[in-house]
Amino acid sequence: MPIVVNLDVMMAKRKIGATELAQRVGITPANLSILKNNKAKAIRFSTLEALCRALECRPADLLDYVEEDAP
């Protein structure tokens, strides 16, 4: 998938653990893990907003676009 979630990088920069972040954002640790491991198919804007608020960052700090090789 060409969209990459850099949540683990931002969490490391902010020195925050998964359990604490999940509590601040209001999602389950399992759903946070899905996001963190690039397994998510979608993310709600409200969740993205909550992540940005908790991590004091912008959406572009969490999401990246990596072009796939053309066949």
PDB file of N, CA and C in Angstrom:
ATOM      1  N   MET A   1       0.849  -1.183   0.000  1.00  0.00           N
ATOM      2  CA  MET A   1       0.000   0.000   0.000  1.00  0.00           C
ATOM      3  C   MET A   1       0.889   1.238   0.000  1.00  0.00           C
ATOM      4  N   PRO A   2       0.608   2.204  -0.844  1.00  0.00           N
ATOM      5  CA  PRO A   2       1.483   3.367  -0.959  1.00  0.00           C
ATOM      6  C   PRO A   2       1.398   4.363   0.203  1.00  0.00           C
ATOM      7  N   ILE A   3       0.371   4.268   1.047  1.00  0.00           N
ATOM      8  CA  ILE A   3       0.280   5.146   2.213  1.00  0.00           C
ATOM      9  C   ILE A   3       0.951   4.451   3.394  1.00  0.00           C
ATOM     10  N   VAL A   4       1.923   5.105   3.992  1.00  0.00           N
ATOM     11  CA  VAL A   4       2.669   4.557   5.119  1.00  0.00           C
ATOM     12  C   VAL A   4       2.349   5.375   6.368  1.00  0.00           C
ATOM     13  N   VAL A   5       2.043   4.692   7.456  1.00  0.00           N
ATOM     14  CA  VAL A   5       1.752   5.347   8.731  1.00  0.00           C
ATOM     15  C   VAL A   5       3.034   5.336   9.562  1.00  0.00           C
ATOM     16  N   ASN A   6       3.527   6.509   9.899  1.00  0.00           N
ATOM     17  CA  ASN A   6       4.758   6.663  10.683  1.00  0.00           C
ATOM     18  C   ASN A   6       4.464   6.907  12.158  1.00  0.00           C
ATOM     19  N   LEU A   7       3.449   6.263  12.660  1.00  0.00           N
ATOM     20  CA  LEU A   7       3.029   6.469  14.043  1.00  0.00           C
ATOM     21  C   LEU A   7       4.114   6.071  15.032  1.00  0.00           C
ATOM     22  N   ASP A   8       4.803   4.970  14.781  1.00  0.00           N
ATOM     23  CA  ASP A   8       5.842   4.515  15.699  1.00  0.00           C
ATOM     24  C   ASP A   8       6.991   5.511  15.794  1.00  0.00           C
ATOM     25  N   VAL A   9       7.312   6.172  14.680  1.00  0.00           N
ATOM     26  CA  VAL A   9       8.376   7.176  14.673  1.00  0.00           C
ATOM     27  C   VAL A   9       7.985   8.362  15.546  1.00  0.00           C
ATOM     28  N   MET A  10       6.748   8.851  15.374  1.00  0.00           N
ATOM     29  CA  MET A  10       6.293   9.999  16.156  1.00  0.00           C
ATOM     30  C   MET A  10       6.165   9.641  17.631  1.00  0.00           C
ATOM     31  N   MET A  11       5.725   8.416  17.917  1.00  0.00           N
ATOM     32  CA  MET A  11       5.632   7.980  19.314  1.00  0.00           C
ATOM     33  C   MET A  11       7.012   7.969  19.962  1.00  0.00           C
ATOM     34  N   ALA A  12       8.016   7.518  19.243  1.00  0.00           N
ATOM     35  CA  ALA A  12       9.381   7.498  19.773  1.00  0.00           C
ATOM     36  C   ALA A  12       9.892   8.916  20.007  1.00  0.00           C
ATOM     37  N   LYS A  13       9.608   9.817  19.059  1.00  0.00           N
ATOM     38  CA  LYS A  13      10.043  11.215  19.213  1.00  0.00           C
ATOM     39  C   LYS A  13       9.405  11.867  20.434  1.00  0.00           C
ATOM     40  N   ARG A  14       8.150  11.523  20.694  1.00  0.00           N
ATOM     41  CA  ARG A  14       7.417  12.120  21.816  1.00  0.00           C
ATOM     42  C   ARG A  14       7.556  11.314  23.104  1.00  0.00           C
ATOM     43  N   LYS A  15       8.257  10.186  23.007  1.00  0.00           N
ATOM     44  CA  LYS A  15       8.487   9.309  24.166  1.00  0.00           C
ATOM     45  C   LYS A  15       7.186   8.936  24.864  1.00  0.00           C
ATOM     46  N   ILE A  16       6.270   8.384  24.083  1.00  0.00           N
ATOM     47  CA  ILE A  16       4.973   7.968  24.609  1.00  0.00           C
ATOM     48  C   ILE A  16       4.730   6.512  24.210  1.00  0.00           C
ATOM     49  N   GLY A  17       4.236   5.752  25.147  1.00  0.00           N
ATOM     50  CA  GLY A  17       3.953   4.344  24.900  1.00  0.00           C
ATOM     51  C   GLY A  17       2.590   4.141  24.263  1.00  0.00           C
ATOM     52  N   ALA A  18       2.395   2.940  23.745  1.00  0.00           N
ATOM     53  CA  ALA A  18       1.152   2.618  23.043  1.00  0.00           C
ATOM     54  C   ALA A  18      -0.054   2.673  23.973  1.00  0.00           C
ATOM     55  N   THR A  19       0.086   2.160  25.172  1.00  0.00           N
ATOM     56  CA  THR A  19      -1.046   2.135  26.100  1.00  0.00           C
ATOM     57  C   THR A  19      -1.482   3.546  26.461  1.00  0.00           C
ATOM     58  N   GLU A  20      -0.521   4.406  26.767  1.00  0.00           N
ATOM     59  CA  GLU A  20      -0.845   5.789  27.124  1.00  0.00           C
ATOM     60  C   GLU A  20      -1.466   6.531  25.943  1.00  0.00           C
ATOM     61  N   LEU A  21      -0.908   6.345  24.756  1.00  0.00           N
ATOM     62  CA  LEU A  21      -1.445   7.024  23.572  1.00  0.00           C
ATOM     63  C   LEU A  21      -2.861   6.543  23.275  1.00  0.00           C
ATOM     64  N   ALA A  22      -3.083   5.246  23.354  1.00  0.00           N
ATOM     65  CA  ALA A  22      -4.428   4.715  23.108  1.00  0.00           C
ATOM     66  C   ALA A  22      -5.438   5.323  24.071  1.00  0.00           C
ATOM     67  N   GLN A  23      -5.058   5.477  25.341  1.00  0.00           N
ATOM     68  CA  GLN A  23      -5.950   6.090  26.321  1.00  0.00           C
ATOM     69  C   GLN A  23      -6.217   7.548  25.988  1.00  0.00           C
ATOM     70  N   ARG A  24      -5.179   8.288  25.625  1.00  0.00           N
ATOM     71  CA  ARG A  24      -5.348   9.710  25.286  1.00  0.00           C
ATOM     72  C   ARG A  24      -6.243   9.898  24.066  1.00  0.00           C
ATOM     73  N   VAL A  25      -6.100   9.003  23.093  1.00  0.00           N
ATOM     74  CA  VAL A  25      -6.838   9.125  21.838  1.00  0.00           C
ATOM     75  C   VAL A  25      -8.256   8.570  21.974  1.00  0.00           C
ATOM     76  N   GLY A  26      -8.420   7.594  22.844  1.00  0.00           N
ATOM     77  CA  GLY A  26      -9.737   6.993  23.023  1.00  0.00           C
ATOM     78  C   GLY A  26      -9.992   5.825  22.087  1.00  0.00           C
ATOM     79  N   ILE A  27      -8.932   5.088  21.751  1.00  0.00           N
ATOM     80  CA  ILE A  27      -9.074   3.882  20.937  1.00  0.00           C
ATOM     81  C   ILE A  27      -8.452   2.714  21.697  1.00  0.00           C
ATOM     82  N   THR A  28      -8.752   1.518  21.258  1.00  0.00           N
ATOM     83  CA  THR A  28      -8.200   0.352  21.933  1.00  0.00           C
ATOM     84  C   THR A  28      -6.726   0.184  21.559  1.00  0.00           C
ATOM     85  N   PRO A  29      -5.944  -0.420  22.442  1.00  0.00           N
ATOM     86  CA  PRO A  29      -4.546  -0.703  22.092  1.00  0.00           C
ATOM     87  C   PRO A  29      -4.436  -1.578  20.838  1.00  0.00           C
ATOM     88  N   ALA A  30      -5.402  -2.471  20.631  1.00  0.00           N
ATOM     89  CA  ALA A  30      -5.378  -3.318  19.433  1.00  0.00           C
ATOM     90  C   ALA A  30      -5.530  -2.478  18.164  1.00  0.00           C
ATOM     91  N   ASN A  31      -6.444  -1.511  18.178  1.00  0.00           N
ATOM     92  CA  ASN A  31      -6.626  -0.649  17.005  1.00  0.00           C
ATOM     93  C   ASN A  31      -5.415   0.254  16.790  1.00  0.00           C
ATOM     94  N   LEU A  32      -4.796   0.704  17.862  1.00  0.00           N
ATOM     95  CA  LEU A  32      -3.584   1.506  17.732  1.00  0.00           C
ATOM     96  C   LEU A  32      -2.474   0.660  17.109  1.00  0.00           C
ATOM     97  N   SER A  33      -2.380  -0.586  17.507  1.00  0.00           N
ATOM     98  CA  SER A  33      -1.382  -1.499  16.949  1.00  0.00           C
ATOM     99  C   SER A  33      -1.605  -1.703  15.456  1.00  0.00           C
ATOM    100  N   ILE A  34      -2.847  -1.826  15.049  1.00  0.00           N
ATOM    101  CA  ILE A  34      -3.165  -1.978  13.622  1.00  0.00           C
ATOM    102  C   ILE A  34      -2.683  -0.758  12.838  1.00  0.00           C
ATOM    103  N   LEU A  35      -2.906   0.424  13.382  1.00  0.00           N
ATOM    104  CA  LEU A  35      -2.422   1.646  12.733  1.00  0.00           C
ATOM    105  C   LEU A  35      -0.897   1.679  12.700  1.00  0.00           C
ATOM    106  N   LYS A  36      -0.305   1.384  13.830  1.00  0.00           N
ATOM    107  CA  LYS A  36       1.149   1.459  13.978  1.00  0.00           C
ATOM    108  C   LYS A  36       1.878   0.498  13.049  1.00  0.00           C
ATOM    109  N   ASN A  37       1.273  -0.646  12.779  1.00  0.00           N
ATOM    110  CA  ASN A  37       1.920  -1.670  11.960  1.00  0.00           C
ATOM    111  C   ASN A  37       1.490  -1.641  10.492  1.00  0.00           C
ATOM    112  N   ASN A  38       0.892  -0.540  10.068  1.00  0.00           N
ATOM    113  CA  ASN A  38       0.471  -0.351   8.673  1.00  0.00           C
ATOM    114  C   ASN A  38      -0.496  -1.431   8.198  1.00  0.00           C
ATOM    115  N   LYS A  39      -1.351  -1.907   9.071  1.00  0.00           N
ATOM    116  CA  LYS A  39      -2.345  -2.924   8.709  1.00  0.00           C
ATOM    117  C   LYS A  39      -3.724  -2.304   8.477  1.00  0.00           C
ATOM    118  N   ALA A  40      -3.885  -1.027   8.789  1.00  0.00           N
ATOM    119  CA  ALA A  40      -5.185  -0.367   8.675  1.00  0.00           C
ATOM    120  C   ALA A  40      -5.535  -0.102   7.215  1.00  0.00           C
ATOM    121  N   LYS A  41      -6.811  -0.261   6.891  1.00  0.00           N
ATOM    122  CA  LYS A  41      -7.307   0.040   5.554  1.00  0.00           C
ATOM    123  C   LYS A  41      -7.867   1.459   5.484  1.00  0.00           C
ATOM    124  N   ALA A  42      -8.200   2.024   6.657  1.00  0.00           N
ATOM    125  CA  ALA A  42      -8.788   3.359   6.707  1.00  0.00           C
ATOM    126  C   ALA A  42      -8.553   3.942   8.100  1.00  0.00           C
ATOM    127  N   ILE A  43      -8.712   5.255   8.197  1.00  0.00           N
ATOM    128  CA  ILE A  43      -8.642   5.931   9.489  1.00  0.00           C
ATOM    129  C   ILE A  43      -9.660   7.061   9.472  1.00  0.00           C
ATOM    130  N   ARG A  44     -10.397   7.196  10.534  1.00  0.00           N
ATOM    131  CA  ARG A  44     -11.364   8.295  10.639  1.00  0.00           C
ATOM    132  C   ARG A  44     -10.613   9.588  10.890  1.00  0.00           C
ATOM    133  N   PHE A  45     -11.150  10.670  10.331  1.00  0.00           N
ATOM    134  CA  PHE A  45     -10.544  11.974  10.564  1.00  0.00           C
ATOM    135  C   PHE A  45     -10.547  12.318  12.049  1.00  0.00           C
ATOM    136  N   SER A  46     -11.572  11.896  12.770  1.00  0.00           N
ATOM    137  CA  SER A  46     -11.618  12.183  14.207  1.00  0.00           C
ATOM    138  C   SER A  46     -10.482  11.470  14.947  1.00  0.00           C
ATOM    139  N   THR A  47     -10.141  10.259  14.510  1.00  0.00           N
ATOM    140  CA  THR A  47      -9.020   9.536  15.114  1.00  0.00           C
ATOM    141  C   THR A  47      -7.704  10.196  14.737  1.00  0.00           C
ATOM    142  N   LEU A  48      -7.564  10.591  13.476  1.00  0.00           N
ATOM    143  CA  LEU A  48      -6.356  11.281  13.037  1.00  0.00           C
ATOM    144  C   LEU A  48      -6.182  12.589  13.796  1.00  0.00           C
ATOM    145  N   GLU A  49      -7.271  13.313  13.989  1.00  0.00           N
ATOM    146  CA  GLU A  49      -7.224  14.564  14.743  1.00  0.00           C
ATOM    147  C   GLU A  49      -6.791  14.305  16.187  1.00  0.00           C
ATOM    148  N   ALA A  50      -7.349  13.275  16.805  1.00  0.00           N
ATOM    149  CA  ALA A  50      -6.997  12.950  18.186  1.00  0.00           C
ATOM    150  C   ALA A  50      -5.529  12.536  18.300  1.00  0.00           C
ATOM    151  N   LEU A  51      -5.035  11.783  17.334  1.00  0.00           N
ATOM    152  CA  LEU A  51      -3.620  11.410  17.332  1.00  0.00           C
ATOM    153  C   LEU A  51      -2.727  12.639  17.214  1.00  0.00           C
ATOM    154  N   CYS A  52      -3.087  13.533  16.305  1.00  0.00           N
ATOM    155  CA  CYS A  52      -2.304  14.757  16.128  1.00  0.00           C
ATOM    156  C   CYS A  52      -2.317  15.621  17.383  1.00  0.00           C
ATOM    157  N   ARG A  53      -3.465  15.693  18.033  1.00  0.00           N
ATOM    158  CA  ARG A  53      -3.568  16.474  19.265  1.00  0.00           C
ATOM    159  C   ARG A  53      -2.698  15.859  20.357  1.00  0.00           C
ATOM    160  N   ALA A  54      -2.790  14.545  20.524  1.00  0.00           N
ATOM    161  CA  ALA A  54      -2.038  13.859  21.582  1.00  0.00           C
ATOM    162  C   ALA A  54      -0.531  13.898  21.337  1.00  0.00           C
ATOM    163  N   LEU A  55      -0.133  13.843  20.071  1.00  0.00           N
ATOM    164  CA  LEU A  55       1.291  13.818  19.731  1.00  0.00           C
ATOM    165  C   LEU A  55       1.841  15.190  19.353  1.00  0.00           C
ATOM    166  N   GLU A  56       0.970  16.203  19.369  1.00  0.00           N
ATOM    167  CA  GLU A  56       1.353  17.570  19.013  1.00  0.00           C
ATOM    168  C   GLU A  56       2.080  17.580  17.664  1.00  0.00           C
ATOM    169  N   CYS A  57       1.369  17.093  16.646  1.00  0.00           N
ATOM    170  CA  CYS A  57       1.950  17.029  15.313  1.00  0.00           C
ATOM    171  C   CYS A  57       0.880  17.315  14.272  1.00  0.00           C
ATOM    172  N   ARG A  58       1.256  17.212  13.024  1.00  0.00           N
ATOM    173  CA  ARG A  58       0.345  17.401  11.893  1.00  0.00           C
ATOM    174  C   ARG A  58       0.114  16.050  11.210  1.00  0.00           C
ATOM    175  N   PRO A  59      -0.978  15.931  10.450  1.00  0.00           N
ATOM    176  CA  PRO A  59      -1.222  14.674   9.744  1.00  0.00           C
ATOM    177  C   PRO A  59      -0.039  14.236   8.871  1.00  0.00           C
ATOM    178  N   ALA A  60       0.643  15.197   8.261  1.00  0.00           N
ATOM    179  CA  ALA A  60       1.785  14.864   7.404  1.00  0.00           C
ATOM    180  C   ALA A  60       2.942  14.244   8.196  1.00  0.00           C
ATOM    181  N   ASP A  61       2.975  14.470   9.504  1.00  0.00           N
ATOM    182  CA  ASP A  61       3.998  13.839  10.331  1.00  0.00           C
ATOM    183  C   ASP A  61       3.694  12.355  10.541  1.00  0.00           C
ATOM    184  N   LEU A  62       2.440  11.979  10.401  1.00  0.00           N
ATOM    185  CA  LEU A  62       2.019  10.595  10.642  1.00  0.00           C
ATOM    186  C   LEU A  62       1.841   9.787   9.362  1.00  0.00           C
ATOM    187  N   LEU A  63       1.485  10.466   8.269  1.00  0.00           N
ATOM    188  CA  LEU A  63       1.181   9.771   7.019  1.00  0.00           C
ATOM    189  C   LEU A  63       2.174  10.162   5.932  1.00  0.00           C
ATOM    190  N   ASP A  64       2.569   9.179   5.151  1.00  0.00           N
ATOM    191  CA  ASP A  64       3.497   9.426   4.055  1.00  0.00           C
ATOM    192  C   ASP A  64       3.009   8.654   2.828  1.00  0.00           C
ATOM    193  N   TYR A  65       3.313   9.162   1.666  1.00  0.00           N
ATOM    194  CA  TYR A  65       2.961   8.498   0.415  1.00  0.00           C
ATOM    195  C   TYR A  65       4.248   8.001  -0.238  1.00  0.00           C
ATOM    196  N   VAL A  66       4.314   6.696  -0.465  1.00  0.00           N
ATOM    197  CA  VAL A  66       5.466   6.095  -1.128  1.00  0.00           C
ATOM    198  C   VAL A  66       4.973   5.457  -2.414  1.00  0.00           C
ATOM    199  N   GLU A  67       5.449   5.971  -3.525  1.00  0.00           N
ATOM    200  CA  GLU A  67       4.983   5.485  -4.823  1.00  0.00           C
ATOM    201  C   GLU A  67       5.434   4.051  -5.046  1.00  0.00           C
ATOM    202  N   GLU A  68       4.475   3.215  -5.459  1.00  0.00           N
ATOM    203  CA  GLU A  68       4.788   1.828  -5.768  1.00  0.00           C
ATOM    204  C   GLU A  68       5.435   1.742  -7.136  1.00  0.00           C
ATOM    205  N   ASP A  69       6.258   0.730  -7.319  1.00  0.00           N
ATOM    206  CA  ASP A  69       6.895   0.540  -8.626  1.00  0.00           C
ATOM    207  C   ASP A  69       5.839   0.178  -9.666  1.00  0.00           C
ATOM    208  N   ALA A  70       5.917   0.833 -10.787  1.00  0.00           N
ATOM    209  CA  ALA A  70       4.974   0.543 -11.887  1.00  0.00           C
ATOM    210  C   ALA A  70       5.347  -0.797 -12.526  1.00  0.00           C
ATOM    211  N   PRO A  71       4.343  -1.579 -12.940  1.00  0.00           N
ATOM    212  CA  PRO A  71       4.642  -2.884 -13.548  1.00  0.00           C
ATOM    213  C   PRO A  71       5.305  -2.787 -14.906  1.00  0.00           C
TER     214      PRO A  71
END
